[in-house]
Amino acid sequence: MQFEVSIESTDLETREKKAGGSYVVQTAYAHTFDRNGPKRYPEEIRVFPKKDPQGKPLAYPMGDYKIAERCMRVNNGFLELGFIELEPLSKK
């Protein structure tokens, strides 16, 4: 199963935690489906960018990605999705 995600901007947004501190997210667009097949328009989502060795967030470059398979697993018959990591789609 492959979920596709598009990144259209390298802008990062810093958000404040309720308990103090902050975290960074990046806007992405998930290409989703309903019972009739692919939806006409992607849906806006937020993803956590990767971090460099010093802990500084690194924006995903603009492009098309898939959600890494290691982020999905089946646990007691339920599909679980962990923190999303994106991998570039291979060029066709």
PDB file of N, CA and C in Angstrom:
ATOM      1  N   MET A   1       0.855  -1.178   0.000  1.00  0.00           N
ATOM      2  CA  MET A   1       0.000   0.000   0.000  1.00  0.00           C
ATOM      3  C   MET A   1       0.893   1.231   0.000  1.00  0.00           C
ATOM      4  N   GLN A   2       0.597   2.165  -0.868  1.00  0.00           N
ATOM      5  CA  GLN A   2       1.418   3.372  -0.967  1.00  0.00           C
ATOM      6  C   GLN A   2       0.540   4.608  -0.827  1.00  0.00           C
ATOM      7  N   PHE A   3       0.919   5.482   0.080  1.00  0.00           N
ATOM      8  CA  PHE A   3       0.243   6.762   0.246  1.00  0.00           C
ATOM      9  C   PHE A   3       1.154   7.840  -0.318  1.00  0.00           C
ATOM     10  N   GLU A   4       0.629   8.642  -1.233  1.00  0.00           N
ATOM     11  CA  GLU A   4       1.441   9.694  -1.836  1.00  0.00           C
ATOM     12  C   GLU A   4       1.165  11.040  -1.181  1.00  0.00           C
ATOM     13  N   VAL A   5       2.244  11.816  -1.056  1.00  0.00           N
ATOM     14  CA  VAL A   5       2.203  13.122  -0.399  1.00  0.00           C
ATOM     15  C   VAL A   5       3.026  14.086  -1.251  1.00  0.00           C
ATOM     16  N   SER A   6       2.526  15.315  -1.412  1.00  0.00           N
ATOM     17  CA  SER A   6       3.262  16.339  -2.155  1.00  0.00           C
ATOM     18  C   SER A   6       3.692  17.454  -1.218  1.00  0.00           C
ATOM     19  N   ILE A   7       4.913  17.928  -1.408  1.00  0.00           N
ATOM     20  CA  ILE A   7       5.425  19.091  -0.684  1.00  0.00           C
ATOM     21  C   ILE A   7       5.541  20.216  -1.704  1.00  0.00           C
ATOM     22  N   GLU A   8       4.882  21.335  -1.433  1.00  0.00           N
ATOM     23  CA  GLU A   8       4.884  22.461  -2.372  1.00  0.00           C
ATOM     24  C   GLU A   8       5.648  23.669  -1.849  1.00  0.00           C
ATOM     25  N   SER A   9       6.139  23.591  -0.605  1.00  0.00           N
ATOM     26  CA  SER A   9       6.881  24.700  -0.013  1.00  0.00           C
ATOM     27  C   SER A   9       7.851  24.152   1.026  1.00  0.00           C
ATOM     28  N   THR A  10       9.005  24.791   1.145  1.00  0.00           N
ATOM     29  CA  THR A  10       9.973  24.389   2.175  1.00  0.00           C
ATOM     30  C   THR A  10       9.815  25.202   3.452  1.00  0.00           C
ATOM     31  N   ASP A  11       8.746  26.011   3.537  1.00  0.00           N
ATOM     32  CA  ASP A  11       8.502  26.808   4.745  1.00  0.00           C
ATOM     33  C   ASP A  11       8.190  25.901   5.924  1.00  0.00           C
ATOM     34  N   LEU A  12       8.745  26.240   7.073  1.00  0.00           N
ATOM     35  CA  LEU A  12       8.474  25.517   8.312  1.00  0.00           C
ATOM     36  C   LEU A  12       7.687  26.428   9.246  1.00  0.00           C
ATOM     37  N   GLU A  13       6.796  25.827  10.024  1.00  0.00           N
ATOM     38  CA  GLU A  13       5.962  26.571  10.972  1.00  0.00           C
ATOM     39  C   GLU A  13       6.272  26.098  12.390  1.00  0.00           C
ATOM     40  N   THR A  14       6.591  27.037  13.259  1.00  0.00           N
ATOM     41  CA  THR A  14       6.842  26.709  14.658  1.00  0.00           C
ATOM     42  C   THR A  14       5.550  26.869  15.428  1.00  0.00           C
ATOM     43  N   ARG A  15       5.204  25.844  16.201  1.00  0.00           N
ATOM     44  CA  ARG A  15       3.985  25.861  17.016  1.00  0.00           C
ATOM     45  C   ARG A  15       4.366  25.697  18.484  1.00  0.00           C
ATOM     46  N   GLU A  16       3.540  26.251  19.336  1.00  0.00           N
ATOM     47  CA  GLU A  16       3.782  26.176  20.778  1.00  0.00           C
ATOM     48  C   GLU A  16       3.037  24.980  21.381  1.00  0.00           C
ATOM     49  N   LYS A  17       3.722  24.260  22.259  1.00  0.00           N
ATOM     50  CA  LYS A  17       3.093  23.166  22.993  1.00  0.00           C
ATOM     51  C   LYS A  17       2.276  23.735  24.137  1.00  0.00           C
ATOM     52  N   LYS A  18       1.202  23.057  24.507  1.00  0.00           N
ATOM     53  CA  LYS A  18       0.366  23.511  25.629  1.00  0.00           C
ATOM     54  C   LYS A  18       1.157  23.520  26.935  1.00  0.00           C
ATOM     55  N   ALA A  19       2.065  22.563  27.083  1.00  0.00           N
ATOM     56  CA  ALA A  19       2.836  22.448  28.320  1.00  0.00           C
ATOM     57  C   ALA A  19       4.143  23.244  28.261  1.00  0.00           C
ATOM     58  N   GLY A  20       4.296  24.089  27.259  1.00  0.00           N
ATOM     59  CA  GLY A  20       5.521  24.861  27.108  1.00  0.00           C
ATOM     60  C   GLY A  20       6.443  24.244  26.078  1.00  0.00           C
ATOM     61  N   GLY A  21       7.307  25.040  25.518  1.00  0.00           N
ATOM     62  CA  GLY A  21       8.201  24.567  24.466  1.00  0.00           C
ATOM     63  C   GLY A  21       7.551  24.736  23.103  1.00  0.00           C
ATOM     64  N   SER A  22       8.223  24.244  22.092  1.00  0.00           N
ATOM     65  CA  SER A  22       7.692  24.387  20.737  1.00  0.00           C
ATOM     66  C   SER A  22       8.085  23.185  19.890  1.00  0.00           C
ATOM     67  N   TYR A  23       7.454  23.099  18.746  1.00  0.00           N
ATOM     68  CA  TYR A  23       7.775  22.078  17.769  1.00  0.00           C
ATOM     69  C   TYR A  23       7.568  22.662  16.381  1.00  0.00           C
ATOM     70  N   VAL A  24       8.100  21.995  15.366  1.00  0.00           N
ATOM     71  CA  VAL A  24       8.073  22.517  14.001  1.00  0.00           C
ATOM     72  C   VAL A  24       7.329  21.536  13.096  1.00  0.00           C
ATOM     73  N   VAL A  25       6.497  22.078  12.199  1.00  0.00           N
ATOM     74  CA  VAL A  25       5.783  21.268  11.216  1.00  0.00           C
ATOM     75  C   VAL A  25       5.953  21.872   9.825  1.00  0.00           C
ATOM     76  N   GLN A  26       5.671  21.060   8.822  1.00  0.00           N
ATOM     77  CA  GLN A  26       5.717  21.492   7.430  1.00  0.00           C
ATOM     78  C   GLN A  26       4.404  21.090   6.768  1.00  0.00           C
ATOM     79  N   THR A  27       3.867  21.967   5.948  1.00  0.00           N
ATOM     80  CA  THR A  27       2.624  21.672   5.239  1.00  0.00           C
ATOM     81  C   THR A  27       2.898  20.719   4.084  1.00  0.00           C
ATOM     82  N   ALA A  28       2.014  19.735   3.948  1.00  0.00           N
ATOM     83  CA  ALA A  28       2.087  18.762   2.860  1.00  0.00           C
ATOM     84  C   ALA A  28       0.670  18.503   2.373  1.00  0.00           C
ATOM     85  N   TYR A  29       0.554  17.790   1.282  1.00  0.00           N
ATOM     86  CA  TYR A  29      -0.757  17.490   0.698  1.00  0.00           C
ATOM     87  C   TYR A  29      -0.855  15.995   0.429  1.00  0.00           C
ATOM     88  N   ALA A  30      -1.798  15.334   1.120  1.00  0.00           N
ATOM     89  CA  ALA A  30      -1.993  13.894   1.000  1.00  0.00           C
ATOM     90  C   ALA A  30      -2.986  13.600  -0.119  1.00  0.00           C
ATOM     91  N   HIS A  31      -2.609  12.682  -0.991  1.00  0.00           N
ATOM     92  CA  HIS A  31      -3.484  12.239  -2.074  1.00  0.00           C
ATOM     93  C   HIS A  31      -4.295  11.060  -1.536  1.00  0.00           C
ATOM     94  N   THR A  32      -5.562  11.325  -1.207  1.00  0.00           N
ATOM     95  CA  THR A  32      -6.388  10.346  -0.517  1.00  0.00           C
ATOM     96  C   THR A  32      -7.464   9.763  -1.433  1.00  0.00           C
ATOM     97  N   PHE A  33      -8.153   8.770  -0.899  1.00  0.00           N
ATOM     98  CA  PHE A  33      -9.173   8.035  -1.639  1.00  0.00           C
ATOM     99  C   PHE A  33     -10.455   7.962  -0.826  1.00  0.00           C
ATOM    100  N   ASP A  34     -11.562   7.770  -1.526  1.00  0.00           N
ATOM    101  CA  ASP A  34     -12.815   7.403  -0.870  1.00  0.00           C
ATOM    102  C   ASP A  34     -13.338   6.163  -1.585  1.00  0.00           C
ATOM    103  N   ARG A  35     -14.560   5.756  -1.316  1.00  0.00           N
ATOM    104  CA  ARG A  35     -15.047   4.509  -1.913  1.00  0.00           C
ATOM    105  C   ARG A  35     -15.176   4.581  -3.435  1.00  0.00           C
ATOM    106  N   ASN A  36     -15.128   5.780  -4.012  1.00  0.00           N
ATOM    107  CA  ASN A  36     -15.215   5.936  -5.458  1.00  0.00           C
ATOM    108  C   ASN A  36     -13.847   6.022  -6.130  1.00  0.00           C
ATOM    109  N   GLY A  37     -12.782   5.943  -5.353  1.00  0.00           N
ATOM    110  CA  GLY A  37     -11.438   6.026  -5.907  1.00  0.00           C
ATOM    111  C   GLY A  37     -10.709   7.267  -5.422  1.00  0.00           C
ATOM    112  N   PRO A  38      -9.708   7.718  -6.187  1.00  0.00           N
ATOM    113  CA  PRO A  38      -8.927   8.883  -5.757  1.00  0.00           C
ATOM    114  C   PRO A  38      -9.803  10.136  -5.669  1.00  0.00           C
ATOM    115  N   LYS A  39      -9.595  10.902  -4.608  1.00  0.00           N
ATOM    116  CA  LYS A  39     -10.298  12.184  -4.494  1.00  0.00           C
ATOM    117  C   LYS A  39      -9.712  13.151  -5.507  1.00  0.00           C
ATOM    118  N   ARG A  40     -10.529  14.094  -5.957  1.00  0.00           N
ATOM    119  CA  ARG A  40     -10.110  15.024  -7.003  1.00  0.00           C
ATOM    120  C   ARG A  40      -8.964  15.926  -6.538  1.00  0.00           C
ATOM    121  N   TYR A  41      -9.020  16.356  -5.268  1.00  0.00           N
ATOM    122  CA  TYR A  41      -8.017  17.281  -4.749  1.00  0.00           C
ATOM    123  C   TYR A  41      -7.323  16.671  -3.533  1.00  0.00           C
ATOM    124  N   PRO A  42      -6.018  16.908  -3.393  1.00  0.00           N
ATOM    125  CA  PRO A  42      -5.316  16.430  -2.195  1.00  0.00           C
ATOM    126  C   PRO A  42      -5.770  17.192  -0.954  1.00  0.00           C
ATOM    127  N   GLU A  43      -5.545  16.583   0.205  1.00  0.00           N
ATOM    128  CA  GLU A  43      -5.941  17.186   1.475  1.00  0.00           C
ATOM    129  C   GLU A  43      -4.706  17.706   2.201  1.00  0.00           C
ATOM    130  N   GLU A  44      -4.818  18.920   2.756  1.00  0.00           N
ATOM    131  CA  GLU A  44      -3.700  19.533   3.465  1.00  0.00           C
ATOM    132  C   GLU A  44      -3.476  18.834   4.798  1.00  0.00           C
ATOM    133  N   ILE A  45      -2.224  18.494   5.053  1.00  0.00           N
ATOM    134  CA  ILE A  45      -1.823  17.872   6.315  1.00  0.00           C
ATOM    135  C   ILE A  45      -0.557  18.568   6.806  1.00  0.00           C
ATOM    136  N   ARG A  46      -0.117  18.234   8.013  1.00  0.00           N
ATOM    137  CA  ARG A  46       1.154  18.718   8.550  1.00  0.00           C
ATOM    138  C   ARG A  46       2.021  17.507   8.868  1.00  0.00           C
ATOM    139  N   VAL A  47       3.305  17.607   8.569  1.00  0.00           N
ATOM    140  CA  VAL A  47       4.265  16.547   8.886  1.00  0.00           C
ATOM    141  C   VAL A  47       5.408  17.144   9.693  1.00  0.00           C
ATOM    142  N   PHE A  48       6.049  16.293  10.480  1.00  0.00           N
ATOM    143  CA  PHE A  48       7.237  16.713  11.210  1.00  0.00           C
ATOM    144  C   PHE A  48       8.438  16.549  10.286  1.00  0.00           C
ATOM    145  N   PRO A  49       9.225  17.605  10.071  1.00  0.00           N
ATOM    146  CA  PRO A  49      10.415  17.459   9.233  1.00  0.00           C
ATOM    147  C   PRO A  49      11.484  16.642   9.957  1.00  0.00           C
ATOM    148  N   LYS A  50      12.402  16.072   9.178  1.00  0.00           N
ATOM    149  CA  LYS A  50      13.541  15.377   9.781  1.00  0.00           C
ATOM    150  C   LYS A  50      14.414  16.404  10.494  1.00  0.00           C
ATOM    151  N   LYS A  51      15.354  15.921  11.304  1.00  0.00           N
ATOM    152  CA  LYS A  51      16.266  16.818  12.022  1.00  0.00           C
ATOM    153  C   LYS A  51      17.703  16.462  11.690  1.00  0.00           C
ATOM    154  N   ASP A  52      18.563  17.484  11.717  1.00  0.00           N
ATOM    155  CA  ASP A  52      19.984  17.246  11.504  1.00  0.00           C
ATOM    156  C   ASP A  52      20.591  16.721  12.811  1.00  0.00           C
ATOM    157  N   PRO A  53      21.887  16.354  12.817  1.00  0.00           N
ATOM    158  CA  PRO A  53      22.500  15.798  14.031  1.00  0.00           C
ATOM    159  C   PRO A  53      22.437  16.733  15.250  1.00  0.00           C
ATOM    160  N   GLN A  54      22.309  18.033  15.020  1.00  0.00           N
ATOM    161  CA  GLN A  54      22.210  18.980  16.137  1.00  0.00           C
ATOM    162  C   GLN A  54      20.764  19.193  16.584  1.00  0.00           C
ATOM    163  N   GLY A  55      19.809  18.527  15.932  1.00  0.00           N
ATOM    164  CA  GLY A  55      18.403  18.645  16.317  1.00  0.00           C
ATOM    165  C   GLY A  55      17.659  19.757  15.598  1.00  0.00           C
ATOM    166  N   LYS A  56      18.301  20.406  14.627  1.00  0.00           N
ATOM    167  CA  LYS A  56      17.649  21.484  13.870  1.00  0.00           C
ATOM    168  C   LYS A  56      16.760  20.878  12.780  1.00  0.00           C
ATOM    169  N   PRO A  57      15.498  21.348  12.659  1.00  0.00           N
ATOM    170  CA  PRO A  57      14.607  20.781  11.643  1.00  0.00           C
ATOM    171  C   PRO A  57      15.094  21.069  10.226  1.00  0.00           C
ATOM    172  N   LEU A  58      14.956  20.075   9.373  1.00  0.00           N
ATOM    173  CA  LEU A  58      15.327  20.183   7.961  1.00  0.00           C
ATOM    174  C   LEU A  58      14.069  19.992   7.123  1.00  0.00           C
ATOM    175  N   ALA A  59      13.667  21.019   6.402  1.00  0.00           N
ATOM    176  CA  ALA A  59      12.468  20.933   5.577  1.00  0.00           C
ATOM    177  C   ALA A  59      12.647  19.902   4.469  1.00  0.00           C
ATOM    178  N   TYR A  60      11.564  19.183   4.180  1.00  0.00           N
ATOM    179  CA  TYR A  60      11.581  18.320   3.005  1.00  0.00           C
ATOM    180  C   TYR A  60      11.631  19.211   1.774  1.00  0.00           C
ATOM    181  N   PRO A  61      12.451  18.889   0.781  1.00  0.00           N
ATOM    182  CA  PRO A  61      12.451  19.662  -0.464  1.00  0.00           C
ATOM    183  C   PRO A  61      11.110  19.508  -1.185  1.00  0.00           C
ATOM    184  N   MET A  62      10.766  20.477  -2.020  1.00  0.00           N
ATOM    185  CA  MET A  62       9.537  20.385  -2.788  1.00  0.00           C
ATOM    186  C   MET A  62       9.604  19.165  -3.698  1.00  0.00           C
ATOM    187  N   GLY A  63       8.479  18.477  -3.819  1.00  0.00           N
ATOM    188  CA  GLY A  63       8.419  17.292  -4.666  1.00  0.00           C
ATOM    189  C   GLY A  63       7.346  16.338  -4.220  1.00  0.00           C
ATOM    190  N   ASP A  64       7.350  15.163  -4.828  1.00  0.00           N
ATOM    191  CA  ASP A  64       6.365  14.126  -4.520  1.00  0.00           C
ATOM    192  C   ASP A  64       7.040  13.009  -3.744  1.00  0.00           C
ATOM    193  N   TYR A  65       6.324  12.521  -2.739  1.00  0.00           N
ATOM    194  CA  TYR A  65       6.849  11.541  -1.802  1.00  0.00           C
ATOM    195  C   TYR A  65       5.832  10.439  -1.562  1.00  0.00           C
ATOM    196  N   LYS A  66       6.309   9.403  -0.896  1.00  0.00           N
ATOM    197  CA  LYS A  66       5.424   8.370  -0.358  1.00  0.00           C
ATOM    198  C   LYS A  66       5.726   8.257   1.128  1.00  0.00           C
ATOM    199  N   ILE A  67       4.743   7.783   1.883  1.00  0.00           N
ATOM    200  CA  ILE A  67       4.970   7.552   3.309  1.00  0.00           C
ATOM    201  C   ILE A  67       5.798   6.279   3.443  1.00  0.00           C
ATOM    202  N   ALA A  68       6.879   6.368   4.193  1.00  0.00           N
ATOM    203  CA  ALA A  68       7.781   5.231   4.364  1.00  0.00           C
ATOM    204  C   ALA A  68       7.038   4.043   4.966  1.00  0.00           C
ATOM    205  N   GLU A  69       7.293   2.873   4.420  1.00  0.00           N
ATOM    206  CA  GLU A  69       6.621   1.662   4.899  1.00  0.00           C
ATOM    207  C   GLU A  69       6.906   1.391   6.371  1.00  0.00           C
ATOM    208  N   ARG A  70       8.071   1.808   6.861  1.00  0.00           N
ATOM    209  CA  ARG A  70       8.416   1.553   8.270  1.00  0.00           C
ATOM    210  C   ARG A  70       7.510   2.319   9.235  1.00  0.00           C
ATOM    211  N   CYS A  71       6.724   3.270   8.718  1.00  0.00           N
ATOM    212  CA  CYS A  71       5.805   4.044   9.556  1.00  0.00           C
ATOM    213  C   CYS A  71       4.479   3.326   9.754  1.00  0.00           C
ATOM    214  N   MET A  72       4.257   2.239   9.010  1.00  0.00           N
ATOM    215  CA  MET A  72       2.995   1.500   9.094  1.00  0.00           C
ATOM    216  C   MET A  72       3.244   0.108   9.633  1.00  0.00           C
ATOM    217  N   ARG A  73       2.302  -0.376  10.445  1.00  0.00           N
ATOM    218  CA  ARG A  73       2.393  -1.743  10.928  1.00  0.00           C
ATOM    219  C   ARG A  73       1.004  -2.240  11.295  1.00  0.00           C
ATOM    220  N   VAL A  74       0.882  -3.546  11.394  1.00  0.00           N
ATOM    221  CA  VAL A  74      -0.362  -4.158  11.835  1.00  0.00           C
ATOM    222  C   VAL A  74      -0.126  -4.663  13.242  1.00  0.00           C
ATOM    223  N   ASN A  75      -1.018  -4.277  14.155  1.00  0.00           N
ATOM    224  CA  ASN A  75      -0.922  -4.670  15.558  1.00  0.00           C
ATOM    225  C   ASN A  75      -2.282  -5.212  15.987  1.00  0.00           C
ATOM    226  N   ASN A  76      -2.336  -6.489  16.324  1.00  0.00           N
ATOM    227  CA  ASN A  76      -3.586  -7.137  16.723  1.00  0.00           C
ATOM    228  C   ASN A  76      -4.695  -6.921  15.702  1.00  0.00           C
ATOM    229  N   GLY A  77      -4.343  -7.003  14.423  1.00  0.00           N
ATOM    230  CA  GLY A  77      -5.323  -6.885  13.359  1.00  0.00           C
ATOM    231  C   GLY A  77      -5.697  -5.466  12.982  1.00  0.00           C
ATOM    232  N   PHE A  78      -5.063  -4.444  13.585  1.00  0.00           N
ATOM    233  CA  PHE A  78      -5.353  -3.051  13.272  1.00  0.00           C
ATOM    234  C   PHE A  78      -4.144  -2.410  12.588  1.00  0.00           C
ATOM    235  N   LEU A  79      -4.418  -1.648  11.534  1.00  0.00           N
ATOM    236  CA  LEU A  79      -3.359  -0.911  10.861  1.00  0.00           C
ATOM    237  C   LEU A  79      -3.023   0.316  11.691  1.00  0.00           C
ATOM    238  N   GLU A  80      -1.752   0.481  12.024  1.00  0.00           N
ATOM    239  CA  GLU A  80      -1.304   1.627  12.806  1.00  0.00           C
ATOM    240  C   GLU A  80      -0.335   2.455  11.965  1.00  0.00           C
ATOM    241  N   LEU A  81      -0.425   3.756  12.114  1.00  0.00           N
ATOM    242  CA  LEU A  81       0.460   4.682  11.416  1.00  0.00           C
ATOM    243  C   LEU A  81       1.214   5.468  12.475  1.00  0.00           C
ATOM    244  N   GLY A  82       2.539   5.351  12.470  1.00  0.00           N
ATOM    245  CA  GLY A  82       3.369   6.077  13.433  1.00  0.00           C
ATOM    246  C   GLY A  82       3.692   7.469  12.916  1.00  0.00           C
ATOM    247  N   PHE A  83       4.714   8.087  13.489  1.00  0.00           N
ATOM    248  CA  PHE A  83       5.149   9.386  12.992  1.00  0.00           C
ATOM    249  C   PHE A  83       5.544   9.234  11.531  1.00  0.00           C
ATOM    250  N   ILE A  84       5.047  10.118  10.704  1.00  0.00           N
ATOM    251  CA  ILE A  84       5.245  10.002   9.271  1.00  0.00           C
ATOM    252  C   ILE A  84       6.650  10.419   8.866  1.00  0.00           C
ATOM    253  N   GLU A  85       7.284   9.567   8.075  1.00  0.00           N
ATOM    254  CA  GLU A  85       8.534   9.899   7.406  1.00  0.00           C
ATOM    255  C   GLU A  85       8.263   9.772   5.920  1.00  0.00           C
ATOM    256  N   LEU A  86       8.800  10.693   5.144  1.00  0.00           N
ATOM    257  CA  LEU A  86       8.563  10.691   3.714  1.00  0.00           C
ATOM    258  C   LEU A  86       9.796  10.238   2.951  1.00  0.00           C
ATOM    259  N   GLU A  87       9.560   9.491   1.876  1.00  0.00           N
ATOM    260  CA  GLU A  87      10.619   9.055   0.971  1.00  0.00           C
ATOM    261  C   GLU A  87      10.273   9.568  -0.417  1.00  0.00           C
ATOM    262  N   PRO A  88      11.240  10.076  -1.161  1.00  0.00           N
ATOM    263  CA  PRO A  88      10.942  10.568  -2.520  1.00  0.00           C
ATOM    264  C   PRO A  88      10.362   9.456  -3.386  1.00  0.00           C
ATOM    265  N   LEU A  89       9.388   9.810  -4.214  1.00  0.00           N
ATOM    266  CA  LEU A  89       8.870   8.863  -5.194  1.00  0.00           C
ATOM    267  C   LEU A  89       9.920   8.668  -6.264  1.00  0.00           C
ATOM    268  N   SER A  90      10.097   7.442  -6.690  1.00  0.00           N
ATOM    269  CA  SER A  90      11.072   7.206  -7.764  1.00  0.00           C
ATOM    270  C   SER A  90      10.534   7.761  -9.065  1.00  0.00           C
ATOM    271  N   LYS A  91      11.421   8.312  -9.856  1.00  0.00           N
ATOM    272  CA  LYS A  91      11.048   8.868 -11.156  1.00  0.00           C
ATOM    273  C   LYS A  91      10.653   7.728 -12.083  1.00  0.00           C
ATOM    274  N   LYS A  92       9.543   7.919 -12.801  1.00  0.00           N
ATOM    275  CA  LYS A  92       9.071   6.859 -13.704  1.00  0.00           C
ATOM    276  C   LYS A  92       9.617   7.059 -15.087  1.00  0.00           C
TER     277      LYS A  92
END
